[in-house]
Full PDB file with SEQRES, HELIX, SHEET, SSBOND, CRYST1, ORIGX, SCALE, CONECT and MASTER records, all heavy atoms in Angstrom:
SEQRES   1 A   33  PHE LEU LEU THR VAL MET GLY TYR ASP ARG TYR VAL ALA          
SEQRES   2 A   33  ILE CYS HIS PRO LEU ARG TYR ASN VAL LEU MET SER PRO          
SEQRES   3 A   33  GLY VAL CYS ALA CYS LEU VAL                                  
HELIX    1 AA1 LEU A    2  CYS A   15  1                                  14    
HELIX    2 AA2 PRO A   17  ARG A   19  5                                   3    
HELIX    3 AA3 TYR A   20  LEU A   23  1                                   4    
HELIX    4 AA4 PRO A   26  LEU A   32  1                                   7    
CRYST1    1.000    1.000    1.000  90.00  90.00  90.00 P 1           1          
ORIGX1      1.000000  0.000000  0.000000        0.00000                         
ORIGX2      0.000000  1.000000  0.000000        0.00000                         
ORIGX3      0.000000  0.000000  1.000000        0.00000                         
SCALE1      1.000000  0.000000  0.000000        0.00000                         
SCALE2      0.000000  1.000000  0.000000        0.00000                         
SCALE3      0.000000  0.000000  1.000000        0.00000                         
ATOM      1  N   PHE A   1       0.831  -1.209   0.000  1.00  0.00           N  
ATOM      2  CA  PHE A   1       0.000   0.000   0.000  1.00  0.00           C  
ATOM      3  C   PHE A   1       0.864   1.259   0.000  1.00  0.00           C  
ATOM      4  O   PHE A   1       0.527   2.257  -0.657  1.00  0.00           O  
ATOM      5  CB  PHE A   1      -0.939   0.002   1.211  1.00  0.00           C  
ATOM      6  CG  PHE A   1      -1.939  -1.129   1.204  1.00  0.00           C  
ATOM      7  CD1 PHE A   1      -2.385  -1.693   2.390  1.00  0.00           C  
ATOM      8  CD2 PHE A   1      -2.436  -1.631   0.011  1.00  0.00           C  
ATOM      9  CE1 PHE A   1      -3.306  -2.724   2.388  1.00  0.00           C  
ATOM     10  CE2 PHE A   1      -3.355  -2.665  -0.001  1.00  0.00           C  
ATOM     11  CZ  PHE A   1      -3.794  -3.220   1.185  1.00  0.00           C  
ATOM     12  N   LEU A   2       1.988   1.225   0.714  1.00  0.00           N  
ATOM     13  CA  LEU A   2       2.887   2.386   0.735  1.00  0.00           C  
ATOM     14  C   LEU A   2       3.542   2.600  -0.619  1.00  0.00           C  
ATOM     15  O   LEU A   2       3.740   3.746  -1.046  1.00  0.00           O  
ATOM     16  CB  LEU A   2       3.957   2.212   1.825  1.00  0.00           C  
ATOM     17  CG  LEU A   2       3.468   2.403   3.264  1.00  0.00           C  
ATOM     18  CD1 LEU A   2       4.541   1.964   4.250  1.00  0.00           C  
ATOM     19  CD2 LEU A   2       3.071   3.851   3.524  1.00  0.00           C  
ATOM     20  N   LEU A   3       3.874   1.521  -1.320  1.00  0.00           N  
ATOM     21  CA  LEU A   3       4.413   1.669  -2.675  1.00  0.00           C  
ATOM     22  C   LEU A   3       3.384   2.319  -3.598  1.00  0.00           C  
ATOM     23  O   LEU A   3       3.728   3.117  -4.469  1.00  0.00           O  
ATOM     24  CB  LEU A   3       4.822   0.301  -3.232  1.00  0.00           C  
ATOM     25  CG  LEU A   3       6.135  -0.295  -2.703  1.00  0.00           C  
ATOM     26  CD1 LEU A   3       6.338  -1.696  -3.269  1.00  0.00           C  
ATOM     27  CD2 LEU A   3       7.321   0.592  -3.034  1.00  0.00           C  
ATOM     28  N   THR A   4       2.116   1.976  -3.391  1.00  0.00           N  
ATOM     29  CA  THR A   4       1.045   2.596  -4.176  1.00  0.00           C  
ATOM     30  C   THR A   4       0.937   4.086  -3.866  1.00  0.00           C  
ATOM     31  O   THR A   4       0.787   4.914  -4.781  1.00  0.00           O  
ATOM     32  CB  THR A   4      -0.301   1.904  -3.874  1.00  0.00           C  
ATOM     33  OG1 THR A   4      -0.158   0.490  -4.063  1.00  0.00           O  
ATOM     34  CG2 THR A   4      -1.397   2.422  -4.789  1.00  0.00           C  
ATOM     35  N   VAL A   5       1.025   4.431  -2.592  1.00  0.00           N  
ATOM     36  CA  VAL A   5       0.977   5.834  -2.181  1.00  0.00           C  
ATOM     37  C   VAL A   5       2.160   6.611  -2.763  1.00  0.00           C  
ATOM     38  O   VAL A   5       2.015   7.753  -3.217  1.00  0.00           O  
ATOM     39  CB  VAL A   5       0.968   5.931  -0.640  1.00  0.00           C  
ATOM     40  CG1 VAL A   5       1.228   7.369  -0.180  1.00  0.00           C  
ATOM     41  CG2 VAL A   5      -0.372   5.444  -0.081  1.00  0.00           C  
ATOM     42  N   MET A   6       3.321   5.987  -2.793  1.00  0.00           N  
ATOM     43  CA  MET A   6       4.501   6.646  -3.365  1.00  0.00           C  
ATOM     44  C   MET A   6       4.329   6.869  -4.862  1.00  0.00           C  
ATOM     45  O   MET A   6       4.804   7.873  -5.414  1.00  0.00           O  
ATOM     46  CB  MET A   6       5.753   5.812  -3.082  1.00  0.00           C  
ATOM     47  CG  MET A   6       6.134   5.772  -1.612  1.00  0.00           C  
ATOM     48  SD  MET A   6       7.524   4.664  -1.251  1.00  0.00           S  
ATOM     49  CE  MET A   6       8.899   5.646  -1.848  1.00  0.00           C  
ATOM     50  N   GLY A   7       3.649   5.943  -5.538  1.00  0.00           N  
ATOM     51  CA  GLY A   7       3.342   6.134  -6.946  1.00  0.00           C  
ATOM     52  C   GLY A   7       2.423   7.328  -7.154  1.00  0.00           C  
ATOM     53  O   GLY A   7       2.608   8.122  -8.095  1.00  0.00           O  
ATOM     54  N   TYR A   8       1.435   7.477  -6.268  1.00  0.00           N  
ATOM     55  CA  TYR A   8       0.526   8.631  -6.339  1.00  0.00           C  
ATOM     56  C   TYR A   8       1.284   9.928  -6.074  1.00  0.00           C  
ATOM     57  O   TYR A   8       1.040  10.956  -6.741  1.00  0.00           O  
ATOM     58  CB  TYR A   8      -0.597   8.467  -5.319  1.00  0.00           C  
ATOM     59  CG  TYR A   8      -1.486   9.676  -5.180  1.00  0.00           C  
ATOM     60  CD1 TYR A   8      -2.374  10.041  -6.183  1.00  0.00           C  
ATOM     61  CD2 TYR A   8      -1.430  10.469  -4.029  1.00  0.00           C  
ATOM     62  CE1 TYR A   8      -3.191  11.157  -6.059  1.00  0.00           C  
ATOM     63  CE2 TYR A   8      -2.238  11.590  -3.896  1.00  0.00           C  
ATOM     64  CZ  TYR A   8      -3.117  11.928  -4.903  1.00  0.00           C  
ATOM     65  OH  TYR A   8      -3.913  13.041  -4.781  1.00  0.00           O  
ATOM     66  N   ASP A   9       2.235   9.891  -5.147  1.00  0.00           N  
ATOM     67  CA  ASP A   9       3.052  11.072  -4.851  1.00  0.00           C  
ATOM     68  C   ASP A   9       3.841  11.511  -6.083  1.00  0.00           C  
ATOM     69  O   ASP A   9       3.906  12.701  -6.406  1.00  0.00           O  
ATOM     70  CB  ASP A   9       4.011  10.750  -3.701  1.00  0.00           C  
ATOM     71  CG  ASP A   9       5.037  11.855  -3.469  1.00  0.00           C  
ATOM     72  OD1 ASP A   9       4.653  12.902  -2.932  1.00  0.00           O  
ATOM     73  OD2 ASP A   9       6.210  11.663  -3.850  1.00  0.00           O  
ATOM     74  N   ARG A  10       4.426  10.554  -6.798  1.00  0.00           N  
ATOM     75  CA  ARG A  10       5.176  10.888  -8.020  1.00  0.00           C  
ATOM     76  C   ARG A  10       4.229  11.415  -9.099  1.00  0.00           C  
ATOM     77  O   ARG A  10       4.591  12.316  -9.864  1.00  0.00           O  
ATOM     78  CB  ARG A  10       5.928   9.662  -8.535  1.00  0.00           C  
ATOM     79  CG  ARG A  10       7.088   9.169  -7.665  1.00  0.00           C  
ATOM     80  CD  ARG A  10       8.176  10.217  -7.517  1.00  0.00           C  
ATOM     81  NE  ARG A  10       7.854  11.201  -6.481  1.00  0.00           N  
ATOM     82  CZ  ARG A  10       8.288  12.450  -6.452  1.00  0.00           C  
ATOM     83  NH1 ARG A  10       9.039  12.898  -7.428  1.00  0.00           N  
ATOM     84  NH2 ARG A  10       7.956  13.273  -5.475  1.00  0.00           N  
ATOM     85  N   TYR A  11       3.024  10.862  -9.160  1.00  0.00           N  
ATOM     86  CA  TYR A  11       2.035  11.338 -10.134  1.00  0.00           C  
ATOM     87  C   TYR A  11       1.679  12.799  -9.882  1.00  0.00           C  
ATOM     88  O   TYR A  11       1.664  13.623 -10.805  1.00  0.00           O  
ATOM     89  CB  TYR A  11       0.783  10.463 -10.049  1.00  0.00           C  
ATOM     90  CG  TYR A  11      -0.456  11.109 -10.608  1.00  0.00           C  
ATOM     91  CD1 TYR A  11      -0.659  11.220 -11.991  1.00  0.00           C  
ATOM     92  CD2 TYR A  11      -1.441  11.612  -9.752  1.00  0.00           C  
ATOM     93  CE1 TYR A  11      -1.800  11.824 -12.502  1.00  0.00           C  
ATOM     94  CE2 TYR A  11      -2.581  12.217 -10.260  1.00  0.00           C  
ATOM     95  CZ  TYR A  11      -2.753  12.318 -11.628  1.00  0.00           C  
ATOM     96  OH  TYR A  11      -3.880  12.917 -12.126  1.00  0.00           O  
ATOM     97  N   VAL A  12       1.424  13.146  -8.626  1.00  0.00           N  
ATOM     98  CA  VAL A  12       1.063  14.531  -8.289  1.00  0.00           C  
ATOM     99  C   VAL A  12       2.243  15.461  -8.557  1.00  0.00           C  
ATOM    100  O   VAL A  12       2.077  16.558  -9.105  1.00  0.00           O  
ATOM    101  CB  VAL A  12       0.612  14.634  -6.822  1.00  0.00           C  
ATOM    102  CG1 VAL A  12       0.357  16.091  -6.437  1.00  0.00           C  
ATOM    103  CG2 VAL A  12      -0.657  13.818  -6.586  1.00  0.00           C  
ATOM    104  N   ALA A  13       3.473  15.021  -8.188  1.00  0.00           N  
ATOM    105  CA  ALA A  13       4.654  15.873  -8.342  1.00  0.00           C  
ATOM    106  C   ALA A  13       4.938  16.202  -9.805  1.00  0.00           C  
ATOM    107  O   ALA A  13       5.352  17.323 -10.126  1.00  0.00           O  
ATOM    108  CB  ALA A  13       5.866  15.185  -7.720  1.00  0.00           C  
ATOM    109  N   ILE A  14       4.703  15.245 -10.694  1.00  0.00           N  
ATOM    110  CA  ILE A  14       5.040  15.455 -12.104  1.00  0.00           C  
ATOM    111  C   ILE A  14       3.859  15.967 -12.923  1.00  0.00           C  
ATOM    112  O   ILE A  14       4.022  16.831 -13.784  1.00  0.00           O  
ATOM    113  CB  ILE A  14       5.586  14.139 -12.704  1.00  0.00           C  
ATOM    114  CG1 ILE A  14       6.922  13.793 -12.044  1.00  0.00           C  
ATOM    115  CG2 ILE A  14       5.747  14.233 -14.226  1.00  0.00           C  
ATOM    116  CD1 ILE A  14       7.487  12.457 -12.439  1.00  0.00           C  
ATOM    117  N   CYS A  15       2.671  15.464 -12.637  1.00  0.00           N  
ATOM    118  CA  CYS A  15       1.496  15.836 -13.445  1.00  0.00           C  
ATOM    119  C   CYS A  15       0.791  17.091 -12.924  1.00  0.00           C  
ATOM    120  O   CYS A  15       0.129  17.797 -13.689  1.00  0.00           O  
ATOM    121  CB  CYS A  15       0.510  14.671 -13.513  1.00  0.00           C  
ATOM    122  SG  CYS A  15       1.202  13.181 -14.251  1.00  0.00           S  
ATOM    123  N   HIS A  16       0.916  17.367 -11.616  1.00  0.00           N  
ATOM    124  CA  HIS A  16       0.254  18.546 -11.034  1.00  0.00           C  
ATOM    125  C   HIS A  16       1.222  19.278 -10.098  1.00  0.00           C  
ATOM    126  O   HIS A  16       0.937  19.427  -8.896  1.00  0.00           O  
ATOM    127  CB  HIS A  16      -1.008  18.131 -10.265  1.00  0.00           C  
ATOM    128  CG  HIS A  16      -2.006  17.386 -11.094  1.00  0.00           C  
ATOM    129  ND1 HIS A  16      -2.845  18.003 -12.002  1.00  0.00           N  
ATOM    130  CD2 HIS A  16      -2.278  16.049 -11.159  1.00  0.00           C  
ATOM    131  CE1 HIS A  16      -3.606  17.092 -12.582  1.00  0.00           C  
ATOM    132  NE2 HIS A  16      -3.287  15.900 -12.099  1.00  0.00           N  
ATOM    133  N   PRO A  17       2.361  19.729 -10.597  1.00  0.00           N  
ATOM    134  CA  PRO A  17       3.376  20.328  -9.726  1.00  0.00           C  
ATOM    135  C   PRO A  17       2.917  21.578  -8.997  1.00  0.00           C  
ATOM    136  O   PRO A  17       3.333  21.823  -7.861  1.00  0.00           O  
ATOM    137  CB  PRO A  17       4.528  20.631 -10.694  1.00  0.00           C  
ATOM    138  CG  PRO A  17       3.884  20.724 -12.049  1.00  0.00           C  
ATOM    139  CD  PRO A  17       2.768  19.742 -12.020  1.00  0.00           C  
ATOM    140  N   LEU A  18       2.064  22.390  -9.630  1.00  0.00           N  
ATOM    141  CA  LEU A  18       1.610  23.630  -8.996  1.00  0.00           C  
ATOM    142  C   LEU A  18       0.664  23.370  -7.827  1.00  0.00           C  
ATOM    143  O   LEU A  18       0.519  24.219  -6.941  1.00  0.00           O  
ATOM    144  CB  LEU A  18       0.919  24.524 -10.037  1.00  0.00           C  
ATOM    145  CG  LEU A  18       1.803  24.984 -11.205  1.00  0.00           C  
ATOM    146  CD1 LEU A  18       0.999  25.861 -12.158  1.00  0.00           C  
ATOM    147  CD2 LEU A  18       3.033  25.735 -10.689  1.00  0.00           C  
ATOM    148  N   ARG A  19       0.023  22.215  -7.811  1.00  0.00           N  
ATOM    149  CA  ARG A  19      -0.909  21.877  -6.727  1.00  0.00           C  
ATOM    150  C   ARG A  19      -0.301  20.885  -5.748  1.00  0.00           C  
ATOM    151  O   ARG A  19      -0.993  20.388  -4.868  1.00  0.00           O  
ATOM    152  CB  ARG A  19      -2.190  21.298  -7.325  1.00  0.00           C  
ATOM    153  CG  ARG A  19      -2.923  22.248  -8.277  1.00  0.00           C  
ATOM    154  CD  ARG A  19      -4.133  21.554  -8.903  1.00  0.00           C  
ATOM    155  NE  ARG A  19      -5.073  21.119  -7.892  1.00  0.00           N  
ATOM    156  CZ  ARG A  19      -6.029  20.202  -8.101  1.00  0.00           C  
ATOM    157  NH1 ARG A  19      -6.119  19.617  -9.296  1.00  0.00           N  
ATOM    158  NH2 ARG A  19      -6.854  19.866  -7.136  1.00  0.00           N  
ATOM    159  N   TYR A  20       0.987  20.608  -5.903  1.00  0.00           N  
ATOM    160  CA  TYR A  20       1.619  19.554  -5.098  1.00  0.00           C  
ATOM    161  C   TYR A  20       1.528  19.834  -3.601  1.00  0.00           C  
ATOM    162  O   TYR A  20       1.187  18.949  -2.805  1.00  0.00           O  
ATOM    163  CB  TYR A  20       3.079  19.380  -5.517  1.00  0.00           C  
ATOM    164  CG  TYR A  20       3.788  18.269  -4.781  1.00  0.00           C  
ATOM    165  CD1 TYR A  20       3.598  16.939  -5.149  1.00  0.00           C  
ATOM    166  CD2 TYR A  20       4.647  18.540  -3.712  1.00  0.00           C  
ATOM    167  CE1 TYR A  20       4.241  15.909  -4.476  1.00  0.00           C  
ATOM    168  CE2 TYR A  20       5.293  17.529  -3.032  1.00  0.00           C  
ATOM    169  CZ  TYR A  20       5.089  16.207  -3.420  1.00  0.00           C  
ATOM    170  OH  TYR A  20       5.724  15.194  -2.741  1.00  0.00           O  
ATOM    171  N   ASN A  21       1.840  21.071  -3.201  1.00  0.00           N  
ATOM    172  CA  ASN A  21       1.833  21.394  -1.775  1.00  0.00           C  
ATOM    173  C   ASN A  21       0.448  21.304  -1.157  1.00  0.00           C  
ATOM    174  O   ASN A  21       0.317  21.080   0.057  1.00  0.00           O  
ATOM    175  CB  ASN A  21       2.407  22.797  -1.551  1.00  0.00           C  
ATOM    176  CG  ASN A  21       3.896  22.860  -1.826  1.00  0.00           C  
ATOM    177  OD1 ASN A  21       4.599  21.865  -1.695  1.00  0.00           O  
ATOM    178  ND2 ASN A  21       4.383  24.029  -2.226  1.00  0.00           N  
ATOM    179  N   VAL A  22      -0.583  21.468  -1.979  1.00  0.00           N  
ATOM    180  CA  VAL A  22      -1.952  21.346  -1.473  1.00  0.00           C  
ATOM    181  C   VAL A  22      -2.387  19.886  -1.429  1.00  0.00           C  
ATOM    182  O   VAL A  22      -2.908  19.399  -0.422  1.00  0.00           O  
ATOM    183  CB  VAL A  22      -2.928  22.162  -2.355  1.00  0.00           C  
ATOM    184  CG1 VAL A  22      -4.369  21.941  -1.899  1.00  0.00           C  
ATOM    185  CG2 VAL A  22      -2.568  23.639  -2.308  1.00  0.00           C  
ATOM    186  N   LEU A  23      -2.159  19.180  -2.542  1.00  0.00           N  
ATOM    187  CA  LEU A  23      -2.589  17.785  -2.628  1.00  0.00           C  
ATOM    188  C   LEU A  23      -1.775  16.855  -1.731  1.00  0.00           C  
ATOM    189  O   LEU A  23      -2.267  15.802  -1.319  1.00  0.00           O  
ATOM    190  CB  LEU A  23      -2.492  17.307  -4.079  1.00  0.00           C  
ATOM    191  CG  LEU A  23      -3.436  17.982  -5.080  1.00  0.00           C  
ATOM    192  CD1 LEU A  23      -3.150  17.493  -6.489  1.00  0.00           C  
ATOM    193  CD2 LEU A  23      -4.890  17.725  -4.703  1.00  0.00           C  
ATOM    194  N   MET A  24      -0.526  17.243  -1.440  1.00  0.00           N  
ATOM    195  CA  MET A  24       0.327  16.414  -0.584  1.00  0.00           C  
ATOM    196  C   MET A  24       0.740  17.197   0.656  1.00  0.00           C  
ATOM    197  O   MET A  24       1.914  17.217   1.042  1.00  0.00           O  
ATOM    198  CB  MET A  24       1.561  15.953  -1.370  1.00  0.00           C  
ATOM    199  CG  MET A  24       1.244  15.136  -2.616  1.00  0.00           C  
ATOM    200  SD  MET A  24       0.262  13.649  -2.293  1.00  0.00           S  
ATOM    201  CE  MET A  24       1.411  12.698  -1.323  1.00  0.00           C  
ATOM    202  N   SER A  25      -0.217  17.813   1.289  1.00  0.00           N  
ATOM    203  CA  SER A  25       0.040  18.543   2.530  1.00  0.00           C  
ATOM    204  C   SER A  25       0.402  17.560   3.645  1.00  0.00           C  
ATOM    205  O   SER A  25       0.150  16.356   3.524  1.00  0.00           O  
ATOM    206  CB  SER A  25      -1.204  19.341   2.932  1.00  0.00           C  
ATOM    207  OG  SER A  25      -2.265  18.452   3.253  1.00  0.00           O  
ATOM    208  N   PRO A  26       1.007  18.046   4.739  1.00  0.00           N  
ATOM    209  CA  PRO A  26       1.366  17.144   5.845  1.00  0.00           C  
ATOM    210  C   PRO A  26       0.190  16.321   6.358  1.00  0.00           C  
ATOM    211  O   PRO A  26       0.346  15.134   6.670  1.00  0.00           O  
ATOM    212  CB  PRO A  26       1.887  18.108   6.916  1.00  0.00           C  
ATOM    213  CG  PRO A  26       2.421  19.269   6.142  1.00  0.00           C  
ATOM    214  CD  PRO A  26       1.506  19.421   4.963  1.00  0.00           C  
ATOM    215  N   GLY A  27      -1.000  16.941   6.431  1.00  0.00           N  
ATOM    216  CA  GLY A  27      -2.177  16.206   6.890  1.00  0.00           C  
ATOM    217  C   GLY A  27      -2.571  15.091   5.945  1.00  0.00           C  
ATOM    218  O   GLY A  27      -2.901  13.974   6.375  1.00  0.00           O  
ATOM    219  N   VAL A  28      -2.522  15.375   4.655  1.00  0.00           N  
ATOM    220  CA  VAL A  28      -2.852  14.360   3.651  1.00  0.00           C  
ATOM    221  C   VAL A  28      -1.839  13.214   3.699  1.00  0.00           C  
ATOM    222  O   VAL A  28      -2.214  12.039   3.646  1.00  0.00           O  
ATOM    223  CB  VAL A  28      -2.889  14.975   2.237  1.00  0.00           C  
ATOM    224  CG1 VAL A  28      -3.014  13.885   1.169  1.00  0.00           C  
ATOM    225  CG2 VAL A  28      -4.041  15.966   2.121  1.00  0.00           C  
ATOM    226  N   CYS A  29      -0.560  13.555   3.809  1.00  0.00           N  
ATOM    227  CA  CYS A  29       0.480  12.532   3.874  1.00  0.00           C  
ATOM    228  C   CYS A  29       0.304  11.634   5.094  1.00  0.00           C  
ATOM    229  O   CYS A  29       0.440  10.399   4.995  1.00  0.00           O  
ATOM    230  CB  CYS A  29       1.861  13.184   3.913  1.00  0.00           C  
ATOM    231  SG  CYS A  29       2.310  14.038   2.384  1.00  0.00           S  
ATOM    232  N   ALA A  30      -0.003  12.243   6.232  1.00  0.00           N  
ATOM    233  CA  ALA A  30      -0.215  11.463   7.450  1.00  0.00           C  
ATOM    234  C   ALA A  30      -1.395  10.518   7.290  1.00  0.00           C  
ATOM    235  O   ALA A  30      -1.347   9.355   7.721  1.00  0.00           O  
ATOM    236  CB  ALA A  30      -0.434  12.391   8.638  1.00  0.00           C  
ATOM    237  N   CYS A  31      -2.461  10.997   6.651  1.00  0.00           N  
ATOM    238  CA  CYS A  31      -3.644  10.146   6.421  1.00  0.00           C  
ATOM    239  C   CYS A  31      -3.312   8.987   5.482  1.00  0.00           C  
ATOM    240  O   CYS A  31      -3.751   7.854   5.713  1.00  0.00           O  
ATOM    241  CB  CYS A  31      -4.784  10.977   5.834  1.00  0.00           C  
ATOM    242  SG  CYS A  31      -5.620  12.038   7.019  1.00  0.00           S  
ATOM    243  N   LEU A  32      -2.543   9.255   4.433  1.00  0.00           N  
ATOM    244  CA  LEU A  32      -2.182   8.199   3.489  1.00  0.00           C  
ATOM    245  C   LEU A  32      -1.339   7.119   4.161  1.00  0.00           C  
ATOM    246  O   LEU A  32      -1.547   5.919   3.932  1.00  0.00           O  
ATOM    247  CB  LEU A  32      -1.418   8.793   2.303  1.00  0.00           C  
ATOM    248  CG  LEU A  32      -2.242   9.660   1.336  1.00  0.00           C  
ATOM    249  CD1 LEU A  32      -1.329  10.352   0.328  1.00  0.00           C  
ATOM    250  CD2 LEU A  32      -3.284   8.819   0.616  1.00  0.00           C  
ATOM    251  N   VAL A  33      -0.393   7.544   5.006  1.00  0.00           N  
ATOM    252  CA  VAL A  33       0.423   6.567   5.732  1.00  0.00           C  
ATOM    253  C   VAL A  33      -0.438   5.781   6.712  1.00  0.00           C  
ATOM    254  O   VAL A  33      -0.326   4.540   6.819  1.00  0.00           O  
ATOM    255  CB  VAL A  33       1.584   7.273   6.467  1.00  0.00           C  
ATOM    256  CG1 VAL A  33       2.301   6.300   7.398  1.00  0.00           C  
ATOM    257  CG2 VAL A  33       2.565   7.870   5.475  1.00  0.00           C  
TER     258      VAL A  33                                                      
MASTER        0    0    0    4    0    0    0    6  257    1    0    3          
END                                                                             
């Protein structure tokens, strides 16, 4: 599941870089983990 989450992180970083800080905020990251 963590490998899947890391794949989503790379997707957001490359496909939506301007929204990265919003989509991968500390709260969101904690929830995903």
